[in-house]
Amino acid sequence: MNRFLRIILGVMLVIGVTACAQRPSQNVYNYDEVGKSTAVSFGTVVSSRQVDITGQNTGAGALVGAGVGAGAGSYAGSGSGSIWTAAAGALVGAAIGAAAEQAAADRTGIEYIVVLESGVTMTVVQDIGKKDVVIPEGSRVIVQNSGGYQRVLPASNLPTEMARPQGIKLVDPPSDTAN
């Protein structure tokens, strides 16, 4: 029985660590976003609401649960009945593992409706991280667009007017007319 408890605790640890993984939000960027430029548009939040986000179920929870359930069923069964108890344990374990993985992957997010300066209205659903705040209606925002992934960020700290940045003027080289 001690071995069975260790297996169950191991499964719970794996699911718990998976549930703690940070997802992109206002203040959290994925490693592959670092160093990449992102086009932005300015706009205003028209409304926001809390939404439920169904997480991705990879099947790993069902697989681990089936293994644990089969082991537990085999341990509980004796003789010719151990095959049936192992199979029943695998089925029950797979169902419990899949449900546990899904529960760990599901989360709460926020849906923003934003009207951009261009007049385009868009909705963006994003995760809410621990340090993130819900952007109130009427707030000025920037919407980052990076290859189909969008993020709404507060823009109240950004200027509304500024001088054109100084650049480098390109000129043609002088032509040699002495030939």
C-alpha atoms as a PDB file:
ATOM      1  CA  MET A   1       0.000   0.000   0.000  1.00  0.00           C
ATOM      2  CA  ASN A   2       2.920   2.334   0.662  1.00  0.00           C
ATOM      3  CA  ARG A   3       4.008   2.070  -3.005  1.00  0.00           C
ATOM      4  CA  PHE A   4       0.502   2.976  -4.161  1.00  0.00           C
ATOM      5  CA  LEU A   5       0.478   6.131  -2.014  1.00  0.00           C
ATOM      6  CA  ARG A   6       3.825   7.214  -3.445  1.00  0.00           C
ATOM      7  CA  ILE A   7       2.484   6.843  -6.977  1.00  0.00           C
ATOM      8  CA  ILE A   8      -0.639   8.857  -6.161  1.00  0.00           C
ATOM      9  CA  LEU A   9       1.458  11.599  -4.543  1.00  0.00           C
ATOM     10  CA  GLY A  10       3.730  11.663  -7.612  1.00  0.00           C
ATOM     11  CA  VAL A  11       0.761  12.103  -9.943  1.00  0.00           C
ATOM     12  CA  MET A  12      -0.643  14.887  -7.777  1.00  0.00           C
ATOM     13  CA  LEU A  13       2.755  16.630  -7.778  1.00  0.00           C
ATOM     14  CA  VAL A  14       2.990  16.502 -11.589  1.00  0.00           C
ATOM     15  CA  ILE A  15      -0.528  17.926 -11.957  1.00  0.00           C
ATOM     16  CA  GLY A  16       0.171  20.604  -9.348  1.00  0.00           C
ATOM     17  CA  VAL A  17       3.400  21.726 -11.046  1.00  0.00           C
ATOM     18  CA  THR A  18       1.618  21.853 -14.404  1.00  0.00           C
ATOM     19  CA  ALA A  19      -1.141  24.021 -12.930  1.00  0.00           C
ATOM     20  CA  CYS A  20       1.428  26.546 -11.656  1.00  0.00           C
ATOM     21  CA  ALA A  21       2.913  27.255 -15.103  1.00  0.00           C
ATOM     22  CA  GLN A  22       2.656  30.928 -16.013  1.00  0.00           C
ATOM     23  CA  ARG A  23       0.816  31.915 -19.155  1.00  0.00           C
ATOM     24  CA  PRO A  24       1.278  35.102 -21.201  1.00  0.00           C
ATOM     25  CA  SER A  25      -0.604  38.082 -19.773  1.00  0.00           C
ATOM     26  CA  GLN A  26      -0.025  41.823 -19.302  1.00  0.00           C
ATOM     27  CA  ASN A  27       3.183  41.263 -17.346  1.00  0.00           C
ATOM     28  CA  VAL A  28       4.263  37.776 -18.481  1.00  0.00           C
ATOM     29  CA  TYR A  29       5.883  37.129 -21.864  1.00  0.00           C
ATOM     30  CA  ASN A  30       6.809  33.754 -23.386  1.00  0.00           C
ATOM     31  CA  TYR A  31      10.493  33.089 -23.969  1.00  0.00           C
ATOM     32  CA  ASP A  32       9.976  33.205 -27.750  1.00  0.00           C
ATOM     33  CA  GLU A  33       8.544  36.758 -27.574  1.00  0.00           C
ATOM     34  CA  VAL A  34      11.732  38.236 -26.118  1.00  0.00           C
ATOM     35  CA  GLY A  35      13.693  40.285 -28.634  1.00  0.00           C
ATOM     36  CA  LYS A  36      10.935  40.326 -31.253  1.00  0.00           C
ATOM     37  CA  SER A  37       9.282  43.509 -32.406  1.00  0.00           C
ATOM     38  CA  THR A  38       5.539  43.815 -32.107  1.00  0.00           C
ATOM     39  CA  ALA A  39       3.225  46.107 -34.062  1.00  0.00           C
ATOM     40  CA  VAL A  40       0.907  48.131 -31.831  1.00  0.00           C
ATOM     41  CA  SER A  41      -2.316  50.049 -32.329  1.00  0.00           C
ATOM     42  CA  PHE A  42      -3.774  52.578 -29.937  1.00  0.00           C
ATOM     43  CA  GLY A  43      -7.380  52.377 -28.857  1.00  0.00           C
ATOM     44  CA  THR A  44      -9.916  52.688 -26.065  1.00  0.00           C
ATOM     45  CA  VAL A  45     -11.490  49.933 -23.967  1.00  0.00           C
ATOM     46  CA  VAL A  46     -15.243  49.934 -24.578  1.00  0.00           C
ATOM     47  CA  SER A  47     -15.984  47.095 -22.173  1.00  0.00           C
ATOM     48  CA  SER A  48     -14.423  44.165 -20.386  1.00  0.00           C
ATOM     49  CA  ARG A  49     -15.732  41.058 -18.707  1.00  0.00           C
ATOM     50  CA  GLN A  50     -14.388  38.024 -16.932  1.00  0.00           C
ATOM     51  CA  VAL A  51     -14.491  34.823 -18.996  1.00  0.00           C
ATOM     52  CA  ASP A  52     -13.645  31.175 -18.428  1.00  0.00           C
ATOM     53  CA  ILE A  53     -10.842  29.760 -20.576  1.00  0.00           C
ATOM     54  CA  THR A  54     -10.898  26.031 -21.279  1.00  0.00           C
ATOM     55  CA  GLY A  55      -7.322  24.840 -21.103  1.00  0.00           C
ATOM     56  CA  GLN A  56      -5.654  22.340 -23.394  1.00  0.00           C
ATOM     57  CA  ASN A  57      -5.996  18.724 -22.306  1.00  0.00           C
ATOM     58  CA  THR A  58      -2.948  16.873 -23.647  1.00  0.00           C
ATOM     59  CA  GLY A  59      -4.071  13.432 -22.510  1.00  0.00           C
ATOM     60  CA  ALA A  60      -1.085  13.077 -20.176  1.00  0.00           C
ATOM     61  CA  GLY A  61      -3.374  13.110 -17.120  1.00  0.00           C
ATOM     62  CA  ALA A  62      -5.467  10.266 -18.553  1.00  0.00           C
ATOM     63  CA  LEU A  63      -2.344   8.282 -19.408  1.00  0.00           C
ATOM     64  CA  VAL A  64      -0.801   8.710 -15.963  1.00  0.00           C
ATOM     65  CA  GLY A  65      -4.153   8.052 -14.300  1.00  0.00           C
ATOM     66  CA  ALA A  66      -4.620   4.844 -16.322  1.00  0.00           C
ATOM     67  CA  GLY A  67      -1.183   3.621 -15.275  1.00  0.00           C
ATOM     68  CA  VAL A  68      -1.790   4.405 -11.624  1.00  0.00           C
ATOM     69  CA  GLY A  69      -5.277   2.895 -11.754  1.00  0.00           C
ATOM     70  CA  ALA A  70      -4.031  -0.281 -13.438  1.00  0.00           C
ATOM     71  CA  GLY A  71      -1.287  -0.628 -10.843  1.00  0.00           C
ATOM     72  CA  ALA A  72      -3.728  -0.078  -8.011  1.00  0.00           C
ATOM     73  CA  GLY A  73      -6.231  -2.524  -9.516  1.00  0.00           C
ATOM     74  CA  SER A  74      -3.564  -5.140 -10.034  1.00  0.00           C
ATOM     75  CA  TYR A  75      -2.404  -4.670  -6.463  1.00  0.00           C
ATOM     76  CA  ALA A  76      -5.961  -4.963  -5.134  1.00  0.00           C
ATOM     77  CA  GLY A  77      -6.870  -7.992  -7.265  1.00  0.00           C
ATOM     78  CA  SER A  78      -5.632 -11.478  -6.645  1.00  0.00           C
ATOM     79  CA  GLY A  79      -5.294 -14.496  -8.896  1.00  0.00           C
ATOM     80  CA  SER A  80      -7.278 -14.464 -12.150  1.00  0.00           C
ATOM     81  CA  GLY A  81      -9.264 -11.431 -10.996  1.00  0.00           C
ATOM     82  CA  SER A  82      -6.203  -9.185 -11.062  1.00  0.00           C
ATOM     83  CA  ILE A  83      -6.531  -8.653 -14.838  1.00  0.00           C
ATOM     84  CA  TRP A  84     -10.105  -7.427 -14.450  1.00  0.00           C
ATOM     85  CA  THR A  85      -9.360  -5.230 -11.478  1.00  0.00           C
ATOM     86  CA  ALA A  86      -6.324  -3.808 -13.300  1.00  0.00           C
ATOM     87  CA  ALA A  87      -8.497  -3.016 -16.357  1.00  0.00           C
ATOM     88  CA  ALA A  88     -11.191  -1.450 -14.189  1.00  0.00           C
ATOM     89  CA  GLY A  89      -8.545   0.509 -12.297  1.00  0.00           C
ATOM     90  CA  ALA A  90      -7.074   1.728 -15.599  1.00  0.00           C
ATOM     91  CA  LEU A  91     -10.478   2.997 -16.781  1.00  0.00           C
ATOM     92  CA  VAL A  92     -11.275   4.746 -13.524  1.00  0.00           C
ATOM     93  CA  GLY A  93      -7.741   6.136 -13.261  1.00  0.00           C
ATOM     94  CA  ALA A  94      -7.855   7.461 -16.839  1.00  0.00           C
ATOM     95  CA  ALA A  95     -11.124   9.267 -16.159  1.00  0.00           C
ATOM     96  CA  ILE A  96      -9.823  10.772 -12.918  1.00  0.00           C
ATOM     97  CA  GLY A  97      -6.497  11.728 -14.522  1.00  0.00           C
ATOM     98  CA  ALA A  98      -8.197  13.411 -17.488  1.00  0.00           C
ATOM     99  CA  ALA A  99     -10.521  15.343 -15.178  1.00  0.00           C
ATOM    100  CA  ALA A 100      -7.614  16.422 -12.964  1.00  0.00           C
ATOM    101  CA  GLU A 101      -5.565  17.603 -15.948  1.00  0.00           C
ATOM    102  CA  GLN A 102      -8.517  19.551 -17.336  1.00  0.00           C
ATOM    103  CA  ALA A 103      -9.204  21.168 -13.967  1.00  0.00           C
ATOM    104  CA  ALA A 104      -5.553  22.224 -13.754  1.00  0.00           C
ATOM    105  CA  ALA A 105      -5.585  23.650 -17.307  1.00  0.00           C
ATOM    106  CA  ASP A 106      -8.864  25.604 -17.050  1.00  0.00           C
ATOM    107  CA  ARG A 107      -8.537  29.195 -15.905  1.00  0.00           C
ATOM    108  CA  THR A 108     -10.126  32.616 -15.759  1.00  0.00           C
ATOM    109  CA  GLY A 109      -9.357  35.384 -18.245  1.00  0.00           C
ATOM    110  CA  ILE A 110     -10.638  38.736 -19.373  1.00  0.00           C
ATOM    111  CA  GLU A 111     -12.279  39.700 -22.640  1.00  0.00           C
ATOM    112  CA  TYR A 112     -11.677  43.274 -23.815  1.00  0.00           C
ATOM    113  CA  ILE A 113     -13.664  45.051 -26.498  1.00  0.00           C
ATOM    114  CA  VAL A 114     -11.436  47.779 -27.908  1.00  0.00           C
ATOM    115  CA  VAL A 115     -12.111  50.455 -30.516  1.00  0.00           C
ATOM    116  CA  LEU A 116      -8.865  51.318 -32.298  1.00  0.00           C
ATOM    117  CA  GLU A 117      -7.930  54.785 -33.563  1.00  0.00           C
ATOM    118  CA  SER A 118      -8.599  53.468 -37.076  1.00  0.00           C
ATOM    119  CA  GLY A 119     -12.240  52.848 -36.129  1.00  0.00           C
ATOM    120  CA  VAL A 120     -11.899  49.053 -36.108  1.00  0.00           C
ATOM    121  CA  THR A 121     -13.576  47.344 -33.156  1.00  0.00           C
ATOM    122  CA  MET A 122     -11.946  44.162 -31.882  1.00  0.00           C
ATOM    123  CA  THR A 123     -12.194  41.705 -29.020  1.00  0.00           C
ATOM    124  CA  VAL A 124      -9.161  40.233 -27.308  1.00  0.00           C
ATOM    125  CA  VAL A 125      -9.295  37.500 -24.673  1.00  0.00           C
ATOM    126  CA  GLN A 126      -6.214  37.204 -22.494  1.00  0.00           C
ATOM    127  CA  ASP A 127      -5.077  35.507 -19.331  1.00  0.00           C
ATOM    128  CA  ILE A 128      -4.979  37.557 -16.164  1.00  0.00           C
ATOM    129  CA  GLY A 129      -1.753  37.113 -14.250  1.00  0.00           C
ATOM    130  CA  LYS A 130      -1.262  37.640 -10.543  1.00  0.00           C
ATOM    131  CA  LYS A 131       0.165  41.156 -11.009  1.00  0.00           C
ATOM    132  CA  ASP A 132      -2.262  42.185 -13.769  1.00  0.00           C
ATOM    133  CA  VAL A 133      -5.120  44.597 -13.282  1.00  0.00           C
ATOM    134  CA  VAL A 134      -8.316  44.714 -15.283  1.00  0.00           C
ATOM    135  CA  ILE A 135      -8.172  47.773 -17.519  1.00  0.00           C
ATOM    136  CA  PRO A 136     -11.253  49.923 -16.865  1.00  0.00           C
ATOM    137  CA  GLU A 137     -13.712  50.986 -19.549  1.00  0.00           C
ATOM    138  CA  GLY A 138     -12.758  54.247 -21.244  1.00  0.00           C
ATOM    139  CA  SER A 139      -9.025  53.655 -20.691  1.00  0.00           C
ATOM    140  CA  ARG A 140      -6.479  54.333 -23.401  1.00  0.00           C
ATOM    141  CA  VAL A 141      -4.686  51.121 -24.391  1.00  0.00           C
ATOM    142  CA  ILE A 142      -2.272  49.676 -26.881  1.00  0.00           C
ATOM    143  CA  VAL A 143      -3.043  46.403 -28.588  1.00  0.00           C
ATOM    144  CA  GLN A 144       0.065  44.424 -29.429  1.00  0.00           C
ATOM    145  CA  ASN A 145      -0.196  42.241 -32.505  1.00  0.00           C
ATOM    146  CA  SER A 146       2.522  39.664 -32.842  1.00  0.00           C
ATOM    147  CA  GLY A 147       1.840  37.082 -35.513  1.00  0.00           C
ATOM    148  CA  GLY A 148      -1.814  36.580 -34.632  1.00  0.00           C
ATOM    149  CA  TYR A 149      -1.321  36.748 -30.866  1.00  0.00           C
ATOM    150  CA  GLN A 150      -2.725  39.947 -29.382  1.00  0.00           C
ATOM    151  CA  ARG A 151      -2.351  41.506 -25.966  1.00  0.00           C
ATOM    152  CA  VAL A 152      -4.109  44.565 -24.490  1.00  0.00           C
ATOM    153  CA  LEU A 153      -1.914  46.795 -22.337  1.00  0.00           C
ATOM    154  CA  PRO A 154      -2.606  50.051 -20.499  1.00  0.00           C
ATOM    155  CA  ALA A 155      -1.293  53.120 -22.323  1.00  0.00           C
ATOM    156  CA  SER A 156      -2.093  55.825 -19.766  1.00  0.00           C
ATOM    157  CA  ASN A 157       1.639  56.257 -19.099  1.00  0.00           C
ATOM    158  CA  LEU A 158       2.438  56.909 -22.786  1.00  0.00           C
ATOM    159  CA  PRO A 159       2.411  60.372 -24.362  1.00  0.00           C
ATOM    160  CA  THR A 160      -0.465  61.393 -26.627  1.00  0.00           C
ATOM    161  CA  GLU A 161       1.731  63.713 -28.690  1.00  0.00           C
ATOM    162  CA  MET A 162       5.455  63.893 -29.447  1.00  0.00           C
ATOM    163  CA  ALA A 163       7.928  65.257 -31.987  1.00  0.00           C
ATOM    164  CA  ARG A 164       8.818  63.099 -34.978  1.00  0.00           C
ATOM    165  CA  PRO A 165      11.920  61.030 -34.144  1.00  0.00           C
ATOM    166  CA  GLN A 166      15.131  62.172 -35.809  1.00  0.00           C
ATOM    167  CA  GLY A 167      16.332  59.815 -38.471  1.00  0.00           C
ATOM    168  CA  ILE A 168      19.128  59.520 -40.964  1.00  0.00           C
ATOM    169  CA  LYS A 169      18.676  61.256 -44.317  1.00  0.00           C
ATOM    170  CA  LEU A 170      19.752  59.108 -47.247  1.00  0.00           C
ATOM    171  CA  VAL A 171      21.470  60.897 -50.151  1.00  0.00           C
ATOM    172  CA  ASP A 172      22.876  59.659 -53.449  1.00  0.00           C
ATOM    173  CA  PRO A 173      26.657  59.686 -53.747  1.00  0.00           C
ATOM    174  CA  PRO A 174      28.077  62.434 -55.959  1.00  0.00           C
ATOM    175  CA  SER A 175      28.409  61.320 -59.560  1.00  0.00           C
ATOM    176  CA  ASP A 176      31.807  61.455 -61.249  1.00  0.00           C
ATOM    177  CA  THR A 177      31.299  63.672 -64.368  1.00  0.00           C
ATOM    178  CA  ALA A 178      34.993  64.054 -65.191  1.00  0.00           C
ATOM    179  CA  ASN A 179      35.135  61.032 -67.611  1.00  0.00           C
END
